[in-house]
Amino acid sequence: MPPEDPIHTLREICLALPEATEQETWGDPTFRVNGKIFAMEKRGDGRDSVWIKAPEGSQSILVGADPERFFVPPYVGPKGWVGIRLDGDPDWDEVADLVRRSYRLIAPKRLASRIT
């Protein structure tokens, strides 16, 4: 049986967050809170990935530690966002933790405080 499309698992993770919504933007699903993007699913070069906001300094640490899994995405990379490859066998617990961290950076404090 083929593996499940990563967007289904990513969607479950993102939409479980308080007041999160999905909106197609630039032909790809984006996940938002209060109208602001906290995660973007991207398909390019035959690979699935998610782009997320990361705290200052995290991008270089993640990419430096595992450049096969993490990368600097175009457009938003200079602003500190990180790409996570979802093809193969991603560590979904780690992806969920990083998505929640991105959400907390974007969400209003009243919503971010509800995430553990």
PDB file of N, CA and C in Angstrom:
ATOM      1  N   MET A   1       0.844  -1.173   0.000  1.00  0.00           N
ATOM      2  CA  MET A   1       0.000   0.000   0.000  1.00  0.00           C
ATOM      3  C   MET A   1       0.901   1.252   0.000  1.00  0.00           C
ATOM      4  N   PRO A   2       0.633   2.233  -0.869  1.00  0.00           N
ATOM      5  CA  PRO A   2       1.492   3.419  -0.919  1.00  0.00           C
ATOM      6  C   PRO A   2       1.338   4.245   0.357  1.00  0.00           C
ATOM      7  N   PRO A   3       2.390   4.974   0.748  1.00  0.00           N
ATOM      8  CA  PRO A   3       2.296   5.802   1.946  1.00  0.00           C
ATOM      9  C   PRO A   3       1.264   6.906   1.751  1.00  0.00           C
ATOM     10  N   GLU A   4       0.670   7.342   2.843  1.00  0.00           N
ATOM     11  CA  GLU A   4      -0.320   8.414   2.788  1.00  0.00           C
ATOM     12  C   GLU A   4       0.342   9.701   2.316  1.00  0.00           C
ATOM     13  N   ASP A   5      -0.401  10.488   1.571  1.00  0.00           N
ATOM     14  CA  ASP A   5       0.084  11.780   1.105  1.00  0.00           C
ATOM     15  C   ASP A   5       0.443  12.627   2.333  1.00  0.00           C
ATOM     16  N   PRO A   6       1.666  13.155   2.389  1.00  0.00           N
ATOM     17  CA  PRO A   6       2.079  13.921   3.576  1.00  0.00           C
ATOM     18  C   PRO A   6       1.165  15.098   3.898  1.00  0.00           C
ATOM     19  N   ILE A   7       0.496  15.667   2.901  1.00  0.00           N
ATOM     20  CA  ILE A   7      -0.366  16.817   3.191  1.00  0.00           C
ATOM     21  C   ILE A   7      -1.494  16.431   4.136  1.00  0.00           C
ATOM     22  N   HIS A   8      -1.955  15.189   4.088  1.00  0.00           N
ATOM     23  CA  HIS A   8      -3.036  14.773   4.991  1.00  0.00           C
ATOM     24  C   HIS A   8      -2.579  14.832   6.445  1.00  0.00           C
ATOM     25  N   THR A   9      -1.381  14.321   6.714  1.00  0.00           N
ATOM     26  CA  THR A   9      -0.849  14.351   8.077  1.00  0.00           C
ATOM     27  C   THR A   9      -0.530  15.781   8.488  1.00  0.00           C
ATOM     28  N   LEU A  10       0.074  16.552   7.594  1.00  0.00           N
ATOM     29  CA  LEU A  10       0.373  17.945   7.894  1.00  0.00           C
ATOM     30  C   LEU A  10      -0.910  18.718   8.188  1.00  0.00           C
ATOM     31  N   ARG A  11      -1.927  18.501   7.406  1.00  0.00           N
ATOM     32  CA  ARG A  11      -3.220  19.177   7.602  1.00  0.00           C
ATOM     33  C   ARG A  11      -3.771  18.862   8.997  1.00  0.00           C
ATOM     34  N   GLU A  12      -3.715  17.599   9.404  1.00  0.00           N
ATOM     35  CA  GLU A  12      -4.210  17.216  10.739  1.00  0.00           C
ATOM     36  C   GLU A  12      -3.449  17.959  11.833  1.00  0.00           C
ATOM     37  N   ILE A  13      -2.136  18.038  11.692  1.00  0.00           N
ATOM     38  CA  ILE A  13      -1.308  18.730  12.684  1.00  0.00           C
ATOM     39  C   ILE A  13      -1.685  20.207  12.749  1.00  0.00           C
ATOM     40  N   CYS A  14      -1.748  20.851  11.600  1.00  0.00           N
ATOM     41  CA  CYS A  14      -1.987  22.299  11.551  1.00  0.00           C
ATOM     42  C   CYS A  14      -3.394  22.675  12.005  1.00  0.00           C
ATOM     43  N   LEU A  15      -4.382  21.952  11.514  1.00  0.00           N
ATOM     44  CA  LEU A  15      -5.769  22.332  11.816  1.00  0.00           C
ATOM     45  C   LEU A  15      -6.208  21.941  13.224  1.00  0.00           C
ATOM     46  N   ALA A  16      -5.373  21.202  13.945  1.00  0.00           N
ATOM     47  CA  ALA A  16      -5.659  20.883  15.348  1.00  0.00           C
ATOM     48  C   ALA A  16      -5.324  22.069  16.261  1.00  0.00           C
ATOM     49  N   LEU A  17      -4.624  23.056  15.727  1.00  0.00           N
ATOM     50  CA  LEU A  17      -4.236  24.220  16.519  1.00  0.00           C
ATOM     51  C   LEU A  17      -5.396  25.217  16.613  1.00  0.00           C
ATOM     52  N   PRO A  18      -5.508  25.941  17.734  1.00  0.00           N
ATOM     53  CA  PRO A  18      -6.642  26.849  17.943  1.00  0.00           C
ATOM     54  C   PRO A  18      -6.808  27.878  16.822  1.00  0.00           C
ATOM     55  N   GLU A  19      -8.013  27.903  16.270  1.00  0.00           N
ATOM     56  CA  GLU A  19      -8.416  28.880  15.240  1.00  0.00           C
ATOM     57  C   GLU A  19      -7.570  28.829  13.976  1.00  0.00           C
ATOM     58  N   ALA A  20      -6.889  27.721  13.735  1.00  0.00           N
ATOM     59  CA  ALA A  20      -6.106  27.572  12.505  1.00  0.00           C
ATOM     60  C   ALA A  20      -7.035  27.323  11.325  1.00  0.00           C
ATOM     61  N   THR A  21      -6.675  27.869  10.187  1.00  0.00           N
ATOM     62  CA  THR A  21      -7.451  27.687   8.969  1.00  0.00           C
ATOM     63  C   THR A  21      -6.507  27.312   7.830  1.00  0.00           C
ATOM     64  N   GLU A  22      -7.095  26.748   6.787  1.00  0.00           N
ATOM     65  CA  GLU A  22      -6.330  26.403   5.590  1.00  0.00           C
ATOM     66  C   GLU A  22      -6.819  27.269   4.448  1.00  0.00           C
ATOM     67  N   GLN A  23      -5.878  27.766   3.658  1.00  0.00           N
ATOM     68  CA  GLN A  23      -6.217  28.583   2.497  1.00  0.00           C
ATOM     69  C   GLN A  23      -5.211  28.279   1.401  1.00  0.00           C
ATOM     70  N   GLU A  24      -5.706  28.029   0.206  1.00  0.00           N
ATOM     71  CA  GLU A  24      -4.785  27.809  -0.904  1.00  0.00           C
ATOM     72  C   GLU A  24      -4.206  29.148  -1.342  1.00  0.00           C
ATOM     73  N   THR A  25      -2.882  29.189  -1.430  1.00  0.00           N
ATOM     74  CA  THR A  25      -2.168  30.390  -1.844  1.00  0.00           C
ATOM     75  C   THR A  25      -1.037  29.958  -2.752  1.00  0.00           C
ATOM     76  N   TRP A  26      -0.899  30.591  -3.872  1.00  0.00           N
ATOM     77  CA  TRP A  26       0.147  30.268  -4.846  1.00  0.00           C
ATOM     78  C   TRP A  26       0.048  28.800  -5.268  1.00  0.00           C
ATOM     79  N   GLY A  27      -1.162  28.246  -5.261  1.00  0.00           N
ATOM     80  CA  GLY A  27      -1.377  26.870  -5.696  1.00  0.00           C
ATOM     81  C   GLY A  27      -1.068  25.807  -4.656  1.00  0.00           C
ATOM     82  N   ASP A  28      -0.704  26.212  -3.451  1.00  0.00           N
ATOM     83  CA  ASP A  28      -0.375  25.269  -2.387  1.00  0.00           C
ATOM     84  C   ASP A  28      -1.190  25.583  -1.136  1.00  0.00           C
ATOM     85  N   PRO A  29      -1.418  24.566  -0.296  1.00  0.00           N
ATOM     86  CA  PRO A  29      -2.100  24.826   0.975  1.00  0.00           C
ATOM     87  C   PRO A  29      -1.210  25.649   1.906  1.00  0.00           C
ATOM     88  N   THR A  30      -1.807  26.671   2.502  1.00  0.00           N
ATOM     89  CA  THR A  30      -1.132  27.412   3.564  1.00  0.00           C
ATOM     90  C   THR A  30      -2.016  27.313   4.799  1.00  0.00           C
ATOM     91  N   PHE A  31      -1.389  27.349   5.945  1.00  0.00           N
ATOM     92  CA  PHE A  31      -2.113  27.245   7.205  1.00  0.00           C
ATOM     93  C   PHE A  31      -1.881  28.536   7.967  1.00  0.00           C
ATOM     94  N   ARG A  32      -2.996  29.096   8.459  1.00  0.00           N
ATOM     95  CA  ARG A  32      -2.969  30.445   9.012  1.00  0.00           C
ATOM     96  C   ARG A  32      -3.663  30.516  10.362  1.00  0.00           C
ATOM     97  N   VAL A  33      -3.257  31.518  11.101  1.00  0.00           N
ATOM     98  CA  VAL A  33      -3.957  31.889  12.321  1.00  0.00           C
ATOM     99  C   VAL A  33      -4.089  33.402  12.292  1.00  0.00           C
ATOM    100  N   ASN A  34      -5.293  33.864  12.520  1.00  0.00           N
ATOM    101  CA  ASN A  34      -5.549  35.303  12.502  1.00  0.00           C
ATOM    102  C   ASN A  34      -5.120  35.922  11.167  1.00  0.00           C
ATOM    103  N   GLY A  35      -5.248  35.139  10.075  1.00  0.00           N
ATOM    104  CA  GLY A  35      -4.916  35.613   8.740  1.00  0.00           C
ATOM    105  C   GLY A  35      -3.441  35.551   8.381  1.00  0.00           C
ATOM    106  N   LYS A  36      -2.588  35.131   9.306  1.00  0.00           N
ATOM    107  CA  LYS A  36      -1.141  35.096   9.067  1.00  0.00           C
ATOM    108  C   LYS A  36      -0.675  33.649   8.893  1.00  0.00           C
ATOM    109  N   ILE A  37       0.195  33.433   7.916  1.00  0.00           N
ATOM    110  CA  ILE A  37       0.693  32.089   7.611  1.00  0.00           C
ATOM    111  C   ILE A  37       1.689  31.634   8.676  1.00  0.00           C
ATOM    112  N   PHE A  38       1.469  30.396   9.182  1.00  0.00           N
ATOM    113  CA  PHE A  38       2.457  29.791  10.078  1.00  0.00           C
ATOM    114  C   PHE A  38       3.064  28.531   9.469  1.00  0.00           C
ATOM    115  N   ALA A  39       2.458  27.991   8.410  1.00  0.00           N
ATOM    116  CA  ALA A  39       3.010  26.818   7.721  1.00  0.00           C
ATOM    117  C   ALA A  39       2.523  26.808   6.281  1.00  0.00           C
ATOM    118  N   MET A  40       3.422  26.412   5.363  1.00  0.00           N
ATOM    119  CA  MET A  40       3.079  26.310   3.939  1.00  0.00           C
ATOM    120  C   MET A  40       3.558  24.964   3.418  1.00  0.00           C
ATOM    121  N   GLU A  41       2.666  24.213   2.814  1.00  0.00           N
ATOM    122  CA  GLU A  41       3.054  22.948   2.184  1.00  0.00           C
ATOM    123  C   GLU A  41       3.517  23.270   0.780  1.00  0.00           C
ATOM    124  N   LYS A  42       4.644  22.708   0.386  1.00  0.00           N
ATOM    125  CA  LYS A  42       5.197  22.974  -0.943  1.00  0.00           C
ATOM    126  C   LYS A  42       5.594  21.666  -1.602  1.00  0.00           C
ATOM    127  N   ARG A  43       5.382  21.621  -2.901  1.00  0.00           N
ATOM    128  CA  ARG A  43       5.837  20.489  -3.709  1.00  0.00           C
ATOM    129  C   ARG A  43       6.713  21.046  -4.810  1.00  0.00           C
ATOM    130  N   GLY A  44       7.934  20.600  -4.833  1.00  0.00           N
ATOM    131  CA  GLY A  44       8.863  21.070  -5.851  1.00  0.00           C
ATOM    132  C   GLY A  44       9.971  20.063  -6.044  1.00  0.00           C
ATOM    133  N   ASP A  45      10.464  19.969  -7.251  1.00  0.00           N
ATOM    134  CA  ASP A  45      11.531  19.017  -7.564  1.00  0.00           C
ATOM    135  C   ASP A  45      11.145  17.589  -7.166  1.00  0.00           C
ATOM    136  N   GLY A  46       9.847  17.293  -7.219  1.00  0.00           N
ATOM    137  CA  GLY A  46       9.387  15.951  -6.871  1.00  0.00           C
ATOM    138  C   GLY A  46       9.442  15.647  -5.393  1.00  0.00           C
ATOM    139  N   ARG A  47       9.601  16.677  -4.564  1.00  0.00           N
ATOM    140  CA  ARG A  47       9.702  16.481  -3.118  1.00  0.00           C
ATOM    141  C   ARG A  47       8.638  17.291  -2.407  1.00  0.00           C
ATOM    142  N   ASP A  48       8.079  16.696  -1.356  1.00  0.00           N
ATOM    143  CA  ASP A  48       7.114  17.401  -0.510  1.00  0.00           C
ATOM    144  C   ASP A  48       7.860  18.035   0.657  1.00  0.00           C
ATOM    145  N   SER A  49       7.412  19.230   1.047  1.00  0.00           N
ATOM    146  CA  SER A  49       8.017  19.893   2.199  1.00  0.00           C
ATOM    147  C   SER A  49       7.003  20.821   2.844  1.00  0.00           C
ATOM    148  N   VAL A  50       7.341  21.270   4.035  1.00  0.00           N
ATOM    149  CA  VAL A  50       6.576  22.308   4.708  1.00  0.00           C
ATOM    150  C   VAL A  50       7.563  23.397   5.092  1.00  0.00           C
ATOM    151  N   TRP A  51       7.134  24.645   4.926  1.00  0.00           N
ATOM    152  CA  TRP A  51       7.942  25.785   5.317  1.00  0.00           C
ATOM    153  C   TRP A  51       7.308  26.366   6.569  1.00  0.00           C
ATOM    154  N   ILE A  52       8.128  26.632   7.582  1.00  0.00           N
ATOM    155  CA  ILE A  52       7.623  27.151   8.852  1.00  0.00           C
ATOM    156  C   ILE A  52       8.494  28.303   9.346  1.00  0.00           C
ATOM    157  N   LYS A  53       7.898  29.143  10.155  1.00  0.00           N
ATOM    158  CA  LYS A  53       8.652  30.222  10.801  1.00  0.00           C
ATOM    159  C   LYS A  53       9.440  29.602  11.951  1.00  0.00           C
ATOM    160  N   ALA A  54      10.654  30.097  12.147  1.00  0.00           N
ATOM    161  CA  ALA A  54      11.501  29.581  13.220  1.00  0.00           C
ATOM    162  C   ALA A  54      12.079  30.753  14.016  1.00  0.00           C
ATOM    163  N   PRO A  55      12.355  30.520  15.286  1.00  0.00           N
ATOM    164  CA  PRO A  55      12.975  31.582  16.085  1.00  0.00           C
ATOM    165  C   PRO A  55      14.338  31.958  15.522  1.00  0.00           C
ATOM    166  N   GLU A  56      14.758  33.155  15.822  1.00  0.00           N
ATOM    167  CA  GLU A  56      16.040  33.639  15.333  1.00  0.00           C
ATOM    168  C   GLU A  56      17.148  32.657  15.709  1.00  0.00           C
ATOM    169  N   GLY A  57      17.996  32.324  14.741  1.00  0.00           N
ATOM    170  CA  GLY A  57      19.114  31.425  14.958  1.00  0.00           C
ATOM    171  C   GLY A  57      18.807  29.959  14.729  1.00  0.00           C
ATOM    172  N   SER A  58      17.538  29.580  14.749  1.00  0.00           N
ATOM    173  CA  SER A  58      17.165  28.164  14.597  1.00  0.00           C
ATOM    174  C   SER A  58      17.437  27.636  13.195  1.00  0.00           C
ATOM    175  N   GLN A  59      17.238  28.486  12.191  1.00  0.00           N
ATOM    176  CA  GLN A  59      17.409  28.038  10.813  1.00  0.00           C
ATOM    177  C   GLN A  59      18.800  27.452  10.593  1.00  0.00           C
ATOM    178  N   SER A  60      19.829  28.172  10.989  1.00  0.00           N
ATOM    179  CA  SER A  60      21.193  27.686  10.753  1.00  0.00           C
ATOM    180  C   SER A  60      21.493  26.441  11.573  1.00  0.00           C
ATOM    181  N   ILE A  61      20.933  26.337  12.758  1.00  0.00           N
ATOM    182  CA  ILE A  61      21.155  25.151  13.597  1.00  0.00           C
ATOM    183  C   ILE A  61      20.518  23.923  12.954  1.00  0.00           C
ATOM    184  N   LEU A  62      19.246  24.040  12.539  1.00  0.00           N
ATOM    185  CA  LEU A  62      18.543  22.897  11.946  1.00  0.00           C
ATOM    186  C   LEU A  62      19.181  22.473  10.625  1.00  0.00           C
ATOM    187  N   VAL A  63      19.410  23.434   9.742  1.00  0.00           N
ATOM    188  CA  VAL A  63      19.987  23.115   8.430  1.00  0.00           C
ATOM    189  C   VAL A  63      21.397  22.561   8.597  1.00  0.00           C
ATOM    190  N   GLY A  64      22.167  23.142   9.508  1.00  0.00           N
ATOM    191  CA  GLY A  64      23.526  22.665   9.742  1.00  0.00           C
ATOM    192  C   GLY A  64      23.566  21.260  10.321  1.00  0.00           C
ATOM    193  N   ALA A  65      22.583  20.941  11.165  1.00  0.00           N
ATOM    194  CA  ALA A  65      22.549  19.627  11.817  1.00  0.00           C
ATOM    195  C   ALA A  65      22.104  18.521  10.873  1.00  0.00           C
ATOM    196  N   ASP A  66      21.169  18.834   9.957  1.00  0.00           N
ATOM    197  CA  ASP A  66      20.632  17.790   9.077  1.00  0.00           C
ATOM    198  C   ASP A  66      20.171  18.385   7.747  1.00  0.00           C
ATOM    199  N   PRO A  67      21.118  18.709   6.849  1.00  0.00           N
ATOM    200  CA  PRO A  67      20.760  19.348   5.579  1.00  0.00           C
ATOM    201  C   PRO A  67      19.972  18.441   4.629  1.00  0.00           C
ATOM    202  N   GLU A  68      19.882  17.165   4.912  1.00  0.00           N
ATOM    203  CA  GLU A  68      19.040  16.287   4.104  1.00  0.00           C
ATOM    204  C   GLU A  68      17.563  16.483   4.449  1.00  0.00           C
ATOM    205  N   ARG A  69      17.298  16.876   5.678  1.00  0.00           N
ATOM    206  CA  ARG A  69      15.922  17.039   6.141  1.00  0.00           C
ATOM    207  C   ARG A  69      15.468  18.495   6.162  1.00  0.00           C
ATOM    208  N   PHE A  70      16.381  19.400   6.503  1.00  0.00           N
ATOM    209  CA  PHE A  70      16.041  20.820   6.642  1.00  0.00           C
ATOM    210  C   PHE A  70      16.758  21.636   5.571  1.00  0.00           C
ATOM    211  N   PHE A  71      16.120  22.736   5.138  1.00  0.00           N
ATOM    212  CA  PHE A  71      16.730  23.601   4.125  1.00  0.00           C
ATOM    213  C   PHE A  71      16.217  25.014   4.280  1.00  0.00           C
ATOM    214  N   VAL A  72      16.923  25.942   3.642  1.00  0.00           N
ATOM    215  CA  VAL A  72      16.517  27.344   3.617  1.00  0.00           C
ATOM    216  C   VAL A  72      15.608  27.521   2.410  1.00  0.00           C
ATOM    217  N   PRO A  73      14.318  27.789   2.633  1.00  0.00           N
ATOM    218  CA  PRO A  73      13.401  27.917   1.498  1.00  0.00           C
ATOM    219  C   PRO A  73      13.577  29.254   0.779  1.00  0.00           C
ATOM    220  N   PRO A  74      13.253  29.269  -0.516  1.00  0.00           N
ATOM    221  CA  PRO A  74      13.313  30.546  -1.236  1.00  0.00           C
ATOM    222  C   PRO A  74      12.254  31.512  -0.689  1.00  0.00           C
ATOM    223  N   TYR A  75      12.436  32.773  -0.968  1.00  0.00           N
ATOM    224  CA  TYR A  75      11.499  33.849  -0.614  1.00  0.00           C
ATOM    225  C   TYR A  75      11.473  34.140   0.888  1.00  0.00           C
ATOM    226  N   VAL A  76      11.100  33.166   1.722  1.00  0.00           N
ATOM    227  CA  VAL A  76      10.952  33.415   3.160  1.00  0.00           C
ATOM    228  C   VAL A  76      12.194  32.991   3.957  1.00  0.00           C
ATOM    229  N   GLY A  77      13.109  32.280   3.326  1.00  0.00           N
ATOM    230  CA  GLY A  77      14.330  31.852   4.004  1.00  0.00           C
ATOM    231  C   GLY A  77      15.123  33.001   4.596  1.00  0.00           C
ATOM    232  N   PRO A  78      15.288  34.115   3.857  1.00  0.00           N
ATOM    233  CA  PRO A  78      16.033  35.241   4.430  1.00  0.00           C
ATOM    234  C   PRO A  78      15.379  35.825   5.684  1.00  0.00           C
ATOM    235  N   LYS A  79      14.102  35.502   5.909  1.00  0.00           N
ATOM    236  CA  LYS A  79      13.407  35.979   7.110  1.00  0.00           C
ATOM    237  C   LYS A  79      13.457  34.946   8.232  1.00  0.00           C
ATOM    238  N   GLY A  80      14.275  33.893   8.041  1.00  0.00           N
ATOM    239  CA  GLY A  80      14.466  32.913   9.099  1.00  0.00           C
ATOM    240  C   GLY A  80      13.592  31.675   9.015  1.00  0.00           C
ATOM    241  N   TRP A  81      12.745  31.574   7.997  1.00  0.00           N
ATOM    242  CA  TRP A  81      11.897  30.397   7.869  1.00  0.00           C
ATOM    243  C   TRP A  81      12.743  29.174   7.508  1.00  0.00           C
ATOM    244  N   VAL A  82      12.232  27.995   7.847  1.00  0.00           N
ATOM    245  CA  VAL A  82      12.927  26.738   7.616  1.00  0.00           C
ATOM    246  C   VAL A  82      12.032  25.811   6.806  1.00  0.00           C
ATOM    247  N   GLY A  83      12.617  25.108   5.853  1.00  0.00           N
ATOM    248  CA  GLY A  83      11.906  24.073   5.116  1.00  0.00           C
ATOM    249  C   GLY A  83      12.212  22.718   5.730  1.00  0.00           C
ATOM    250  N   ILE A  84      11.175  21.874   5.811  1.00  0.00           N
ATOM    251  CA  ILE A  84      11.338  20.506   6.317  1.00  0.00           C
ATOM    252  C   ILE A  84      10.854  19.564   5.225  1.00  0.00           C
ATOM    253  N   ARG A  85      11.709  18.673   4.778  1.00  0.00           N
ATOM    254  CA  ARG A  85      11.305  17.708   3.748  1.00  0.00           C
ATOM    255  C   ARG A  85      10.384  16.661   4.369  1.00  0.00           C
ATOM    256  N   LEU A  86       9.286  16.385   3.676  1.00  0.00           N
ATOM    257  CA  LEU A  86       8.287  15.437   4.172  1.00  0.00           C
ATOM    258  C   LEU A  86       8.266  14.133   3.396  1.00  0.00           C
ATOM    259  N   ASP A  87       9.074  14.043   2.334  1.00  0.00           N
ATOM    260  CA  ASP A  87       9.099  12.797   1.575  1.00  0.00           C
ATOM    261  C   ASP A  87       9.923  11.771   2.347  1.00  0.00           C
ATOM    262  N   GLY A  88       9.773  10.531   1.979  1.00  0.00           N
ATOM    263  CA  GLY A  88      10.460   9.470   2.721  1.00  0.00           C
ATOM    264  C   GLY A  88       9.676   9.126   3.968  1.00  0.00           C
ATOM    265  N   ASP A  89      10.334   9.134   5.098  1.00  0.00           N
ATOM    266  CA  ASP A  89       9.709   8.758   6.362  1.00  0.00           C
ATOM    267  C   ASP A  89       9.982   9.858   7.394  1.00  0.00           C
ATOM    268  N   PRO A  90       9.239  10.985   7.326  1.00  0.00           N
ATOM    269  CA  PRO A  90       9.522  12.085   8.249  1.00  0.00           C
ATOM    270  C   PRO A  90       9.204  11.701   9.693  1.00  0.00           C
ATOM    271  N   ASP A  91       9.872  12.341  10.604  1.00  0.00           N
ATOM    272  CA  ASP A  91       9.588  12.199  12.026  1.00  0.00           C
ATOM    273  C   ASP A  91       8.413  13.140  12.330  1.00  0.00           C
ATOM    274  N   TRP A  92       7.208  12.597  12.298  1.00  0.00           N
ATOM    275  CA  TRP A  92       6.013  13.436  12.424  1.00  0.00           C
ATOM    276  C   TRP A  92       5.904  14.101  13.787  1.00  0.00           C
ATOM    277  N   ASP A  93       6.453  13.485  14.834  1.00  0.00           N
ATOM    278  CA  ASP A  93       6.447  14.134  16.150  1.00  0.00           C
ATOM    279  C   ASP A  93       7.302  15.400  16.106  1.00  0.00           C
ATOM    280  N   GLU A  94       8.457  15.308  15.455  1.00  0.00           N
ATOM    281  CA  GLU A  94       9.320  16.476  15.324  1.00  0.00           C
ATOM    282  C   GLU A  94       8.659  17.537  14.443  1.00  0.00           C
ATOM    283  N   VAL A  95       8.062  17.112  13.332  1.00  0.00           N
ATOM    284  CA  VAL A  95       7.366  18.065  12.459  1.00  0.00           C
ATOM    285  C   VAL A  95       6.270  18.782  13.254  1.00  0.00           C
ATOM    286  N   ALA A  96       5.487  18.033  14.021  1.00  0.00           N
ATOM    287  CA  ALA A  96       4.404  18.630  14.813  1.00  0.00           C
ATOM    288  C   ALA A  96       4.963  19.634  15.824  1.00  0.00           C
ATOM    289  N   ASP A  97       6.069  19.294  16.488  1.00  0.00           N
ATOM    290  CA  ASP A  97       6.682  20.222  17.447  1.00  0.00           C
ATOM    291  C   ASP A  97       7.116  21.513  16.766  1.00  0.00           C
ATOM    292  N   LEU A  98       7.733  21.389  15.588  1.00  0.00           N
ATOM    293  CA  LEU A  98       8.205  22.573  14.867  1.00  0.00           C
ATOM    294  C   LEU A  98       7.047  23.402  14.318  1.00  0.00           C
ATOM    295  N   VAL A  99       5.984  22.750  13.879  1.00  0.00           N
ATOM    296  CA  VAL A  99       4.794  23.477  13.410  1.00  0.00           C
ATOM    297  C   VAL A  99       4.159  24.231  14.578  1.00  0.00           C
ATOM    298  N   ARG A 100       4.063  23.591  15.744  1.00  0.00           N
ATOM    299  CA  ARG A 100       3.496  24.264  16.917  1.00  0.00           C
ATOM    300  C   ARG A 100       4.353  25.466  17.320  1.00  0.00           C
ATOM    301  N   ARG A 101       5.664  25.318  17.213  1.00  0.00           N
ATOM    302  CA  ARG A 101       6.549  26.438  17.544  1.00  0.00           C
ATOM    303  C   ARG A 101       6.318  27.596  16.577  1.00  0.00           C
ATOM    304  N   SER A 102       6.170  27.288  15.290  1.00  0.00           N
ATOM    305  CA  SER A 102       5.888  28.317  14.300  1.00  0.00           C
ATOM    306  C   SER A 102       4.557  29.006  14.613  1.00  0.00           C
ATOM    307  N   TYR A 103       3.563  28.201  14.943  1.00  0.00           N
ATOM    308  CA  TYR A 103       2.245  28.734  15.295  1.00  0.00           C
ATOM    309  C   TYR A 103       2.368  29.716  16.462  1.00  0.00           C
ATOM    310  N   ARG A 104       3.107  29.324  17.501  1.00  0.00           N
ATOM    311  CA  ARG A 104       3.255  30.189  18.678  1.00  0.00           C
ATOM    312  C   ARG A 104       3.938  31.512  18.324  1.00  0.00           C
ATOM    313  N   LEU A 105       4.828  31.492  17.327  1.00  0.00           N
ATOM    314  CA  LEU A 105       5.500  32.722  16.902  1.00  0.00           C
ATOM    315  C   LEU A 105       4.564  33.661  16.139  1.00  0.00           C
ATOM    316  N   ILE A 106       3.553  33.113  15.503  1.00  0.00           N
ATOM    317  CA  ILE A 106       2.650  33.887  14.639  1.00  0.00           C
ATOM    318  C   ILE A 106       1.344  34.255  15.352  1.00  0.00           C
ATOM    319  N   ALA A 107       0.829  33.353  16.165  1.00  0.00           N
ATOM    320  CA  ALA A 107      -0.499  33.512  16.770  1.00  0.00           C
ATOM    321  C   ALA A 107      -0.531  34.649  17.790  1.00  0.00           C
ATOM    322  N   PRO A 108      -1.718  35.242  17.966  1.00  0.00           N
ATOM    323  CA  PRO A 108      -1.878  36.195  19.070  1.00  0.00           C
ATOM    324  C   PRO A 108      -1.586  35.489  20.396  1.00  0.00           C
ATOM    325  N   LYS A 109      -1.129  36.236  21.374  1.00  0.00           N
ATOM    326  CA  LYS A 109      -0.735  35.649  22.659  1.00  0.00           C
ATOM    327  C   LYS A 109      -1.850  34.825  23.293  1.00  0.00           C
ATOM    328  N   ARG A 110      -3.100  35.247  23.161  1.00  0.00           N
ATOM    329  CA  ARG A 110      -4.206  34.523  23.791  1.00  0.00           C
ATOM    330  C   ARG A 110      -4.358  33.118  23.209  1.00  0.00           C
ATOM    331  N   LEU A 111      -3.988  32.932  21.926  1.00  0.00           N
ATOM    332  CA  LEU A 111      -4.040  31.613  21.303  1.00  0.00           C
ATOM    333  C   LEU A 111      -2.734  30.858  21.518  1.00  0.00           C
ATOM    334  N   ALA A 112      -1.611  31.546  21.395  1.00  0.00           N
ATOM    335  CA  ALA A 112      -0.312  30.894  21.560  1.00  0.00           C
ATOM    336  C   ALA A 112      -0.171  30.298  22.955  1.00  0.00           C
ATOM    337  N   SER A 113      -0.758  30.934  23.944  1.00  0.00           N
ATOM    338  CA  SER A 113      -0.648  30.436  25.310  1.00  0.00           C
ATOM    339  C   SER A 113      -1.403  29.123  25.525  1.00  0.00           C
ATOM    340  N   ARG A 114      -2.270  28.773  24.593  1.00  0.00           N
ATOM    341  CA  ARG A 114      -3.035  27.523  24.699  1.00  0.00           C
ATOM    342  C   ARG A 114      -2.273  26.316  24.171  1.00  0.00           C
ATOM    343  N   ILE A 115      -1.094  26.551  23.577  1.00  0.00           N
ATOM    344  CA  ILE A 115      -0.297  25.470  23.004  1.00  0.00           C
ATOM    345  C   ILE A 115       0.800  25.095  23.992  1.00  0.00           C
ATOM    346  N   THR A 116       0.907  23.798  24.260  1.00  0.00           N
ATOM    347  CA  THR A 116       1.940  23.349  25.207  1.00  0.00           C
ATOM    348  C   THR A 116       3.187  22.939  24.477  1.00  0.00           C
TER     349      THR A 116
END
